[in-house]
């Protein structure tokens, strides 16, 4: 293990992260909301901290091995989450304790979108902007954003890229060099964000709200600048814009790249994961619409369709925006949508959950086993589209599913031990492990009322979810630490 090289990189990245404190400080200056000082102090603290970590190790430059890649990704997320909490601890509005500040920062950075805050619209604009910015930076994975500069720091980036990029098939590179890969992903991410912000603004949002909500929409984060979330705007147009950009952001980003490079929309429809993803979304919208229509929750069919489409897409892609208290709908629907968040978005997207391709492979493997029961001597290959899938990948997906289930059960039981009721514990675990945000019961609106011990457990769940279980779980194996 190249410990000193890892520490050197970590110091540099903390120093780079300090730059993200400047935009909120400028927002505070522009709106004169008095919240600029905590961000200036945070900038200086992060810069000094990063330099102090980097300087003694500046001469250590070694190529990262795979194990080093896993360790630096986990360290980077945990350290940046902690560093991201500094301005929230320094500010007096909101007045946050250690657990609350860490929860809010990790929720932003991991794009979970769960919050401990209430009266959000009364907070300083700088704080509101900072929360949204955290989600935007976390959306693509800060390591993927930083991977373009890692070669300049004297290390290879491929190990980090494999550890960070969501999805089971990580060895396929879009472009020959990792810096180019990260750069192309960055351009696509930035272009979608700008388009989303413009669309929101044209639909009636202020410039500030449009930028903030574009950040959390494209990151599939779910933070809002209002307690009522998207429901504050009471606009079917804004809801549909949000739905469109959530669907775009929940699609595999390398697939966007392939479609742009090939200048063909048909690229999307040749991808089996994309087709299954659209099928799942359409089914959820239809089910929600029919149930809402049948139970007369809304006065008109158009209103029911608007809310059904928005909530189905928002929850199933793990964004967690709300227009109306979906927890007050007939119980079947909230439970259905919480379970849909386990599927989440496509691999290589900013969504959470287990990812569509993994669930598809689990289904295909299950079907193969049923066929083998009928025809024991037959040979069945699992195919994604026309491509056969190696058994090694199928086994890895089953391993991931097993680990996911174990982590889920352990965290849920631990939450019940802290005093939470079973519905709140179950949905809080699902909301944080799937990087979703809202739950049911006492975490339907916010997480501020749960015990501090539960908040720390849910922070762990957020990191597990963002790093897709194995990246973090591998650090707990004795074999990882053996030379």
Protein backbone atom coordinates (compact mmCIF):
# COMPACT_ATOMS: atom_id res chain seq x y z
CA UNK A 1 0.00 0.00 0.00
CA UNK A 2 1.33 3.41 -1.00
CA UNK A 3 0.16 5.20 2.15
CA UNK A 4 2.24 8.37 1.78
CA UNK A 5 1.24 8.75 -1.87
CA UNK A 6 -2.41 8.38 -0.88
CA UNK A 7 -2.02 11.01 1.88
CA UNK A 8 -0.30 13.37 -0.61
CA UNK A 9 -3.20 13.04 -3.08
CA UNK A 10 -5.75 13.48 -0.31
CA UNK A 11 -4.08 16.72 0.79
CA UNK A 12 -4.12 18.09 -2.75
CA UNK A 13 -7.76 17.17 -3.24
CA UNK A 14 -8.82 18.82 0.05
CA UNK A 15 -6.99 21.97 -1.07
CA UNK A 16 -8.80 21.81 -4.43
CA UNK A 17 -12.13 21.25 -2.65
CA UNK A 18 -11.53 24.50 -0.71
CA UNK A 19 -12.24 26.38 -3.96
CA UNK A 20 -15.88 25.22 -3.75
CA UNK A 21 -16.30 27.48 -0.70
CA UNK A 22 -15.81 30.60 -2.85
CA UNK A 23 -19.09 30.53 -4.90
CA UNK A 24 -21.32 30.42 -1.75
CA UNK A 25 -19.26 33.30 -0.30
CA UNK A 26 -19.91 35.28 -3.50
CA UNK A 27 -23.64 34.45 -3.27
CA UNK A 28 -23.62 35.75 0.34
CA UNK A 29 -21.91 38.95 -0.86
CA UNK A 30 -24.40 39.37 -3.73
CA UNK A 31 -27.50 38.86 -1.58
CA UNK A 32 -25.95 40.52 1.51
CA UNK A 33 -27.34 37.72 3.68
CA UNK A 34 -24.51 37.80 6.23
CA UNK A 35 -23.48 34.16 5.67
CA UNK A 36 -20.22 34.82 3.84
CA UNK A 37 -17.81 34.68 6.79
CA UNK A 38 -18.25 30.93 7.52
CA UNK A 39 -17.42 30.13 3.88
CA UNK A 40 -14.34 32.38 3.82
CA UNK A 41 -13.12 30.75 7.05
CA UNK A 42 -13.89 27.29 5.61
CA UNK A 43 -11.94 28.14 2.47
CA UNK A 44 -8.88 29.15 4.51
CA UNK A 45 -9.18 26.13 6.84
CA UNK A 46 -9.45 23.65 3.95
CA UNK A 47 -6.57 25.28 2.09
CA UNK A 48 -4.30 25.18 5.15
CA UNK A 49 -5.40 21.64 6.05
CA UNK A 50 -4.81 20.40 2.50
CA UNK A 51 -1.37 22.05 2.34
CA UNK A 52 -0.40 20.68 5.78
CA UNK A 53 -1.28 17.14 4.66
CA UNK A 54 0.37 17.49 1.22
CA UNK A 55 3.64 19.25 2.09
CA UNK A 56 5.38 16.53 4.18
CA UNK A 57 4.47 13.93 1.54
CA UNK A 58 5.02 16.02 -1.59
CA UNK A 59 7.94 13.90 -2.85
CA UNK A 60 6.04 10.60 -2.71
CA UNK A 61 4.87 9.82 -6.24
CA UNK A 62 3.97 6.20 -6.96
CA UNK A 63 1.59 4.46 -9.35
CA UNK A 64 -1.61 3.48 -7.57
CA UNK A 65 -2.47 -0.20 -7.35
CA UNK A 66 -6.08 -1.41 -7.33
CA UNK A 67 -6.14 -1.62 -3.50
CA UNK A 68 -4.79 1.94 -3.25
CA UNK A 69 -7.60 3.05 -5.55
CA UNK A 70 -10.27 1.57 -3.28
CA UNK A 71 -8.74 3.14 -0.17
CA UNK A 72 -8.38 6.63 -1.63
CA UNK A 73 -11.95 6.64 -2.96
CA UNK A 74 -13.38 5.71 0.46
CA UNK A 75 -11.06 8.15 2.27
CA UNK A 76 -11.87 10.91 -0.18
CA UNK A 77 -15.63 10.56 0.26
CA UNK A 78 -15.45 10.34 4.05
CA UNK A 79 -12.91 13.17 4.41
CA UNK A 80 -14.72 15.45 1.95
CA UNK A 81 -18.02 14.78 3.69
CA UNK A 82 -16.41 15.85 6.96
CA UNK A 83 -14.74 18.89 5.37
CA UNK A 84 -18.04 19.78 3.68
CA UNK A 85 -19.66 20.05 7.12
CA UNK A 86 -17.27 22.80 8.28
CA UNK A 87 -19.27 25.83 6.99
CA UNK A 88 -22.48 24.31 8.40
CA UNK A 89 -20.80 24.06 11.82
CA UNK A 90 -19.44 27.62 11.63
CA UNK A 91 -22.68 29.34 10.62
CA UNK A 92 -25.24 30.49 13.22
CA UNK A 93 -28.20 30.21 10.82
CA UNK A 94 -28.96 27.33 10.79
CA UNK A 95 -27.53 26.48 14.20
CA UNK A 96 -26.46 22.86 13.73
CA UNK A 97 -24.81 20.31 16.00
CA UNK A 98 -22.07 17.93 14.88
CA UNK A 99 -24.41 15.06 13.87
CA UNK A 100 -26.78 17.37 11.97
CA UNK A 101 -23.98 19.17 10.08
CA UNK A 102 -22.32 15.90 9.08
CA UNK A 103 -25.68 14.39 8.07
CA UNK A 104 -26.54 17.37 5.86
CA UNK A 105 -23.07 17.49 4.23
CA UNK A 106 -22.91 13.74 3.54
CA UNK A 107 -26.51 13.77 2.30
CA UNK A 108 -25.56 16.50 -0.17
CA UNK A 109 -22.28 15.00 -1.32
CA UNK A 110 -23.71 11.49 -1.77
CA UNK A 111 -26.77 13.01 -3.57
CA UNK A 112 -29.10 11.38 -1.04
CA UNK A 113 -31.21 14.47 -0.45
CA UNK A 114 -32.34 13.61 3.09
CA UNK A 115 -32.35 16.72 5.27
CA UNK A 116 -32.49 17.60 8.97
CA UNK A 117 -33.52 21.19 8.22
CA UNK A 118 -36.95 22.83 8.39
CA UNK A 119 -37.90 26.36 7.40
CA UNK A 120 -35.45 26.01 4.51
CA UNK A 121 -36.68 29.09 2.60
CA UNK A 122 -35.82 31.32 5.59
CA UNK A 123 -32.12 30.32 5.51
CA UNK A 124 -29.44 32.55 3.95
CA UNK A 125 -29.10 32.19 0.17
CA UNK A 126 -25.45 31.19 0.57
CA UNK A 127 -26.42 28.14 2.66
CA UNK A 128 -29.17 27.20 0.18
CA UNK A 129 -26.74 27.48 -2.73
CA UNK A 130 -24.04 25.49 -0.90
CA UNK A 131 -26.39 22.54 -0.25
CA UNK A 132 -27.33 22.38 -3.94
CA UNK A 133 -23.70 22.75 -5.03
CA UNK A 134 -22.67 19.81 -2.81
CA UNK A 135 -25.18 17.63 -4.63
CA UNK A 136 -24.01 18.78 -8.04
CA UNK A 137 -20.37 18.01 -7.22
CA UNK A 138 -21.31 14.65 -5.72
CA UNK A 139 -23.60 13.71 -8.58
CA UNK A 140 -21.03 12.48 -11.03
CA UNK A 141 -18.76 11.34 -8.24
CA UNK A 142 -16.09 13.78 -7.16
CA UNK A 143 -13.44 11.22 -8.01
CA UNK A 144 -14.63 11.13 -11.63
CA UNK A 145 -14.48 14.92 -11.71
CA UNK A 146 -10.98 14.86 -10.20
CA UNK A 147 -9.74 11.95 -12.28
CA UNK A 148 -8.90 14.24 -15.19
CA UNK A 149 -6.28 15.99 -13.04
CA UNK A 150 -4.89 12.90 -11.29
CA UNK A 151 -2.33 12.22 -14.06
CA UNK A 152 -1.01 15.72 -13.38
CA UNK A 153 -0.61 14.76 -9.71
CA UNK A 154 1.68 11.90 -10.71
CA UNK A 155 -0.72 8.97 -10.44
CA UNK A 156 -2.72 6.87 -12.90
CA UNK A 157 -6.46 7.31 -12.72
CA UNK A 158 -7.87 4.03 -14.00
CA UNK A 159 -7.97 2.34 -10.58
CA UNK A 160 -9.97 5.25 -9.16
CA UNK A 161 -12.27 5.30 -12.17
CA UNK A 162 -13.09 1.61 -11.70
CA UNK A 163 -13.68 2.05 -7.98
CA UNK A 164 -15.92 5.08 -8.38
CA UNK A 165 -17.94 4.60 -11.58
CA UNK A 166 -21.34 3.04 -10.77
CA UNK A 167 -22.32 -0.29 -12.34
CA UNK A 168 -21.19 -3.89 -12.69
CA UNK A 169 -19.40 -3.67 -16.05
CA UNK A 170 -16.67 -1.16 -15.25
CA UNK A 171 -13.82 -2.28 -17.46
CA UNK A 172 -15.28 -0.82 -20.67
CA UNK A 173 -13.59 2.51 -21.29
CA UNK A 174 -15.31 5.11 -23.50
CA UNK A 175 -12.07 6.65 -24.71
CA UNK A 176 -8.47 5.38 -24.62
CA UNK A 177 -7.26 7.73 -21.90
CA UNK A 178 -8.90 8.14 -18.53
CA UNK A 179 -8.50 11.94 -18.59
CA UNK A 180 -10.44 12.06 -21.86
CA UNK A 181 -13.11 9.81 -20.38
CA UNK A 182 -13.60 12.08 -17.37
CA UNK A 183 -13.54 15.17 -19.59
CA UNK A 184 -16.26 13.85 -21.88
CA UNK A 185 -18.43 12.87 -18.92
CA UNK A 186 -17.89 16.33 -17.45
CA UNK A 187 -18.93 18.12 -20.66
CA UNK A 188 -22.11 16.05 -20.93
CA UNK A 189 -22.93 16.64 -17.26
CA UNK A 190 -22.32 20.39 -17.58
CA UNK A 191 -24.36 20.68 -20.82
CA UNK A 192 -27.36 18.87 -19.28
CA UNK A 193 -27.14 21.13 -16.18
CA UNK A 194 -27.13 24.33 -18.27
CA UNK A 195 -30.06 23.10 -20.39
CA UNK A 196 -32.00 22.17 -17.24
CA UNK A 197 -31.37 25.57 -15.60
CA UNK A 198 -32.50 27.42 -18.74
CA UNK A 199 -35.66 25.31 -19.00
CA UNK A 200 -36.54 25.92 -15.33
CA UNK A 201 -35.97 29.67 -15.73
CA UNK A 202 -38.10 29.87 -18.88
CA UNK A 203 -40.86 27.97 -17.03
CA UNK A 204 -41.02 30.65 -14.34
CA UNK A 205 -38.31 30.00 -11.73
CA UNK A 206 -36.02 32.83 -10.64
CA UNK A 207 -32.41 32.60 -11.84
CA UNK A 208 -31.28 31.51 -8.35
CA UNK A 209 -33.95 28.81 -8.00
CA UNK A 210 -33.39 27.60 -11.57
CA UNK A 211 -29.64 27.11 -11.02
CA UNK A 212 -30.11 25.49 -7.61
CA UNK A 213 -32.79 23.07 -8.79
CA UNK A 214 -30.84 22.25 -11.96
CA UNK A 215 -27.90 21.25 -9.73
CA UNK A 216 -30.01 18.84 -7.68
CA UNK A 217 -32.06 17.56 -10.65
CA UNK A 218 -29.11 16.56 -12.83
CA UNK A 219 -27.33 15.11 -9.78
CA UNK A 220 -30.58 13.23 -8.97
CA UNK A 221 -30.12 14.63 -5.48
CA UNK A 222 -33.46 16.02 -4.35
CA UNK A 223 -32.41 19.02 -2.24
CA UNK A 224 -34.63 22.07 -2.76
CA UNK A 225 -34.57 25.69 -1.64
CA UNK A 226 -38.07 25.28 -0.19
CA UNK A 227 -39.66 23.03 2.45
CA UNK A 228 -42.40 22.15 -0.06
CA UNK A 229 -39.77 21.05 -2.62
CA UNK A 230 -41.07 21.27 -6.22
CA UNK A 231 -44.60 21.60 -4.84
CA UNK A 232 -43.76 25.21 -3.92
CA UNK A 233 -43.93 26.24 -7.59
CA UNK A 234 -47.32 24.55 -8.19
CA UNK A 235 -46.55 24.29 -11.91
CA UNK A 236 -47.26 21.30 -14.15
CA UNK A 237 -44.71 22.68 -16.66
CA UNK A 238 -41.91 22.78 -14.07
CA UNK A 239 -42.87 19.28 -12.94
CA UNK A 240 -42.62 17.89 -16.48
CA UNK A 241 -39.28 19.64 -17.11
CA UNK A 242 -37.99 18.05 -13.91
CA UNK A 243 -39.27 14.61 -15.01
CA UNK A 244 -37.55 14.90 -18.41
CA UNK A 245 -34.19 15.89 -16.92
CA UNK A 246 -34.42 13.24 -14.20
CA UNK A 247 -34.95 10.60 -16.90
CA UNK A 248 -32.01 11.98 -18.92
CA UNK A 249 -29.76 11.99 -15.83
CA UNK A 250 -30.81 8.47 -14.82
CA UNK A 251 -29.55 7.08 -18.15
CA UNK A 252 -26.04 5.67 -18.52
CA UNK A 253 -23.76 8.68 -19.27
CA UNK A 254 -21.45 6.66 -21.56
CA UNK A 255 -24.63 5.86 -23.54
CA UNK A 256 -25.24 9.62 -23.93
CA UNK A 257 -21.64 9.91 -25.15
CA UNK A 258 -22.14 7.07 -27.67
CA UNK A 259 -25.36 8.65 -28.95
CA UNK A 260 -23.71 12.07 -29.34
CA UNK A 261 -20.64 10.61 -31.05
CA UNK A 262 -22.77 8.48 -33.38
CA UNK A 263 -25.29 11.33 -33.90
CA UNK A 264 -28.11 8.82 -33.59
CA UNK A 265 -31.00 8.48 -31.14
CA UNK A 266 -31.30 4.81 -32.16
CA UNK A 267 -28.18 4.16 -30.01
CA UNK A 268 -30.39 4.41 -26.94
CA UNK A 269 -32.93 1.87 -28.17
CA UNK A 270 -30.23 -0.68 -28.96
CA UNK A 271 -29.28 -0.70 -25.27
CA UNK A 272 -31.21 -3.36 -23.30
CA UNK A 273 -30.80 -1.57 -19.96
CA UNK A 274 -32.28 1.64 -21.39
CA UNK A 275 -35.32 -0.20 -22.75
CA UNK A 276 -35.96 -1.95 -19.41
CA UNK A 277 -35.49 1.38 -17.58
CA UNK A 278 -38.12 3.09 -19.76
CA UNK A 279 -40.47 0.13 -19.30
CA UNK A 280 -40.15 0.33 -15.51
CA UNK A 281 -40.78 4.10 -15.51
CA UNK A 282 -43.82 3.83 -17.80
CA UNK A 283 -45.29 1.01 -15.68
CA UNK A 284 -44.84 2.94 -12.42
CA UNK A 285 -46.44 6.10 -13.86
CA UNK A 286 -49.39 4.08 -15.18
CA UNK A 287 -49.95 2.23 -11.87
CA UNK A 288 -49.75 5.46 -9.82
CA UNK A 289 -52.11 7.25 -12.22
CA UNK A 290 -54.74 4.48 -12.18
CA UNK A 291 -54.68 4.15 -8.37
CA UNK A 292 -54.91 7.93 -7.84
CA UNK A 293 -57.73 8.15 -10.38
CA UNK A 294 -59.60 5.24 -8.80
CA UNK A 295 -59.31 6.64 -5.24
CA UNK A 296 -60.22 10.24 -6.26
CA UNK A 297 -57.16 11.74 -4.54
CA UNK A 298 -57.16 14.56 -7.12
CA UNK A 299 -60.10 16.34 -8.70
CA UNK A 300 -59.15 15.91 -12.37
CA UNK A 301 -57.42 13.25 -14.46
CA UNK A 302 -54.84 15.79 -15.64
CA UNK A 303 -53.87 16.67 -12.08
CA UNK A 304 -53.63 12.98 -11.14
CA UNK A 305 -51.40 12.28 -14.17
CA UNK A 306 -49.14 15.24 -13.36
CA UNK A 307 -48.56 14.13 -9.76
CA UNK A 308 -48.34 10.43 -10.69
CA UNK A 309 -45.69 11.04 -13.36
CA UNK A 310 -43.66 13.38 -11.17
CA UNK A 311 -43.63 11.26 -8.02
CA UNK A 312 -43.12 7.95 -9.83
CA UNK A 313 -40.07 9.24 -11.71
CA UNK A 314 -38.70 11.28 -8.79
CA UNK A 315 -38.79 8.42 -6.28
CA UNK A 316 -37.85 5.56 -8.62
CA UNK A 317 -34.80 7.41 -10.01
CA UNK A 318 -33.85 8.17 -6.35
CA UNK A 319 -34.15 11.98 -6.67
CA UNK A 320 -36.69 12.34 -3.88
CA UNK A 321 -38.32 15.60 -4.97
CA UNK A 322 -41.97 15.94 -3.94
CA UNK A 323 -44.90 17.97 -5.26
CA UNK A 324 -47.42 16.75 -2.73
CA UNK A 325 -47.13 14.63 0.40
CA UNK A 326 -46.85 11.30 -1.42
CA UNK A 327 -46.74 9.67 2.01
CA UNK A 328 -50.45 10.61 2.37
CA UNK A 329 -51.40 8.70 -0.79
CA UNK A 330 -53.06 5.27 -0.48
CA UNK A 331 -50.41 3.18 1.34
CA UNK A 332 -49.86 0.85 -1.63
CA UNK A 333 -48.27 3.67 -3.68
CA UNK A 334 -45.66 4.99 -1.19
CA UNK A 335 -44.54 1.42 -0.44
CA UNK A 336 -44.39 0.59 -4.19
CA UNK A 337 -42.31 3.71 -4.90
CA UNK A 338 -39.94 3.07 -1.98
CA UNK A 339 -39.35 -0.45 -3.35
CA UNK A 340 -38.83 0.96 -6.87
CA UNK A 341 -35.94 3.03 -5.50
CA UNK A 342 -34.06 -0.25 -4.89
CA UNK A 343 -33.82 -0.55 -8.69
CA UNK A 344 -32.82 3.10 -9.16
CA UNK A 345 -31.22 4.47 -12.31
CA UNK A 346 -29.03 2.93 -14.99
CA UNK A 347 -25.41 1.96 -14.33
CA UNK A 348 -23.08 4.88 -15.05
CA UNK A 349 -25.78 7.46 -14.21
CA UNK A 350 -26.10 9.83 -11.26
CA UNK A 351 -28.95 7.74 -9.81
CA UNK A 352 -28.76 5.53 -6.73
CA UNK A 353 -30.19 2.09 -6.01
CA UNK A 354 -28.89 -1.27 -7.21
CA UNK A 355 -29.05 -0.12 -10.87
CA UNK A 356 -31.32 -1.41 -13.62
CA UNK A 357 -28.69 -3.60 -15.29
CA UNK A 358 -28.05 -5.53 -12.06
CA UNK A 359 -31.76 -6.15 -11.49
CA UNK A 360 -32.06 -7.21 -15.15
CA UNK A 361 -29.16 -9.67 -14.75
CA UNK A 362 -30.72 -11.05 -11.55
CA UNK A 363 -33.99 -11.61 -13.44
CA UNK A 364 -32.22 -13.30 -16.38
CA UNK A 365 -30.23 -15.52 -14.03
CA UNK A 366 -33.41 -16.48 -12.15
CA UNK A 367 -35.10 -17.36 -15.43
CA UNK A 368 -32.07 -19.44 -16.46
CA UNK A 369 -32.23 -21.43 -13.22
CA UNK A 370 -35.94 -22.14 -13.77
CA UNK A 371 -35.18 -23.36 -17.31
CA UNK A 372 -32.41 -25.58 -15.95
CA UNK A 373 -34.88 -27.22 -13.58
CA UNK A 374 -36.99 -28.22 -16.58
CA UNK A 375 -34.05 -29.10 -18.86
CA UNK A 376 -31.08 -30.02 -16.61
CA UNK A 377 -28.71 -30.89 -19.48
CA UNK A 378 -29.40 -27.84 -21.62
CA UNK A 379 -26.87 -25.00 -21.82
CA UNK A 380 -28.36 -21.54 -21.38
CA UNK A 381 -26.38 -18.36 -21.93
CA UNK A 382 -27.35 -15.05 -20.33
CA UNK A 383 -27.37 -12.27 -22.91
CA UNK A 384 -27.74 -8.49 -22.64
CA UNK A 385 -29.16 -7.72 -26.06
CA UNK A 386 -26.99 -9.84 -28.35
CA UNK A 387 -23.96 -9.88 -26.08
CA UNK A 388 -23.40 -12.93 -23.88
CA UNK A 389 -22.58 -12.03 -20.25
CA UNK A 390 -19.70 -13.82 -18.56
CA UNK A 391 -20.60 -15.97 -15.56
CA UNK A 392 -18.02 -14.00 -13.55
CA UNK A 393 -20.15 -10.85 -13.93
CA UNK A 394 -23.37 -12.70 -13.03
CA UNK A 395 -21.67 -14.10 -9.92
CA UNK A 396 -20.46 -10.61 -8.98
CA UNK A 397 -24.03 -9.28 -9.30
CA UNK A 398 -25.33 -12.04 -7.01
CA UNK A 399 -22.54 -11.23 -4.55
CA UNK A 400 -23.48 -7.55 -4.70
CA UNK A 401 -27.15 -8.37 -4.08
CA UNK A 402 -26.27 -10.54 -1.07
CA UNK A 403 -24.00 -7.84 0.40
CA UNK A 404 -26.67 -5.19 -0.25
CA UNK A 405 -29.26 -7.26 1.64
CA UNK A 406 -26.93 -7.89 4.60
CA UNK A 407 -25.94 -4.21 4.91
CA UNK A 408 -29.62 -3.21 4.65
CA UNK A 409 -30.73 -5.60 7.42
CA UNK A 410 -27.86 -4.66 9.76
CA UNK A 411 -28.49 -0.91 9.41
CA UNK A 412 -32.28 -1.29 9.73
CA UNK A 413 -32.01 -3.40 12.91
CA UNK A 414 -29.49 -0.93 14.34
CA UNK A 415 -31.94 1.93 13.69
CA UNK A 416 -34.71 0.05 15.51
CA UNK A 417 -32.24 -0.38 18.39
CA UNK A 418 -31.90 3.43 18.61
CA UNK A 419 -35.66 3.70 19.22
CA UNK A 420 -37.09 4.27 15.73
CA UNK A 421 -40.34 2.49 14.80
CA UNK A 422 -40.18 -0.29 12.19
CA UNK A 423 -41.73 1.64 9.25
CA UNK A 424 -39.48 4.67 9.85
CA UNK A 425 -36.40 2.44 10.26
CA UNK A 426 -37.15 0.43 7.10
CA UNK A 427 -37.84 3.45 4.89
CA UNK A 428 -34.97 5.53 6.37
CA UNK A 429 -32.55 2.70 5.53
CA UNK A 430 -33.99 2.39 2.02
CA UNK A 431 -33.89 6.19 1.58
CA UNK A 432 -30.21 6.47 2.58
CA UNK A 433 -28.78 3.21 1.20
CA UNK A 434 -30.49 3.90 -2.15
CA UNK A 435 -29.48 7.60 -1.98
CA UNK A 436 -33.17 8.50 -2.26
CA UNK A 437 -33.95 11.05 0.49
CA UNK A 438 -37.50 10.97 1.85
CA UNK A 439 -38.94 8.00 3.73
CA UNK A 440 -42.21 7.34 5.55
CA UNK A 441 -43.28 7.67 9.18
CA UNK A 442 -41.14 10.08 11.21
CA UNK A 443 -38.73 10.59 8.26
CA UNK A 444 -41.42 11.46 5.69
CA UNK A 445 -40.70 15.22 5.81
CA UNK A 446 -37.25 15.46 7.41
CA UNK A 447 -34.74 13.53 9.54
CA UNK A 448 -34.30 16.22 12.22
CA UNK A 449 -36.31 14.45 14.91
CA UNK A 450 -34.50 11.09 14.90
CA UNK A 451 -31.74 10.31 17.48
CA UNK A 452 -28.15 11.38 16.74
CA UNK A 453 -27.05 7.72 16.80
CA UNK A 454 -29.52 7.01 13.98
CA UNK A 455 -28.11 9.93 11.96
CA UNK A 456 -24.56 8.54 12.19
CA UNK A 457 -25.81 5.10 11.09
CA UNK A 458 -27.60 6.66 8.11
CA UNK A 459 -24.43 8.57 7.13
CA UNK A 460 -22.72 5.16 6.88
CA UNK A 461 -25.67 3.93 4.78
CA UNK A 462 -25.29 6.92 2.42
CA UNK A 463 -21.60 6.21 1.84
CA UNK A 464 -22.31 2.48 1.33
CA UNK A 465 -24.96 3.41 -1.25
CA UNK A 466 -22.84 5.97 -3.10
CA UNK A 467 -19.82 3.63 -3.29
CA UNK A 468 -22.04 0.66 -4.19
CA UNK A 469 -21.34 -1.53 -1.15
CA UNK A 470 -18.24 -3.47 -2.30
CA UNK A 471 -15.89 -0.47 -2.55
CA UNK A 472 -16.42 0.21 1.15
CA UNK A 473 -17.02 -3.39 2.28
CA UNK A 474 -13.69 -4.61 0.83
CA UNK A 475 -11.86 -2.44 3.39
CA UNK A 476 -13.27 -4.62 6.17
CA UNK A 477 -11.71 -7.82 4.80
CA UNK A 478 -8.38 -8.98 6.35
CA UNK A 479 -7.06 -9.88 2.87
CA UNK A 480 -7.23 -6.22 1.80
CA UNK A 481 -4.67 -5.16 4.40
CA UNK A 482 -2.21 -8.02 3.85
CA UNK A 483 0.89 -7.26 1.77
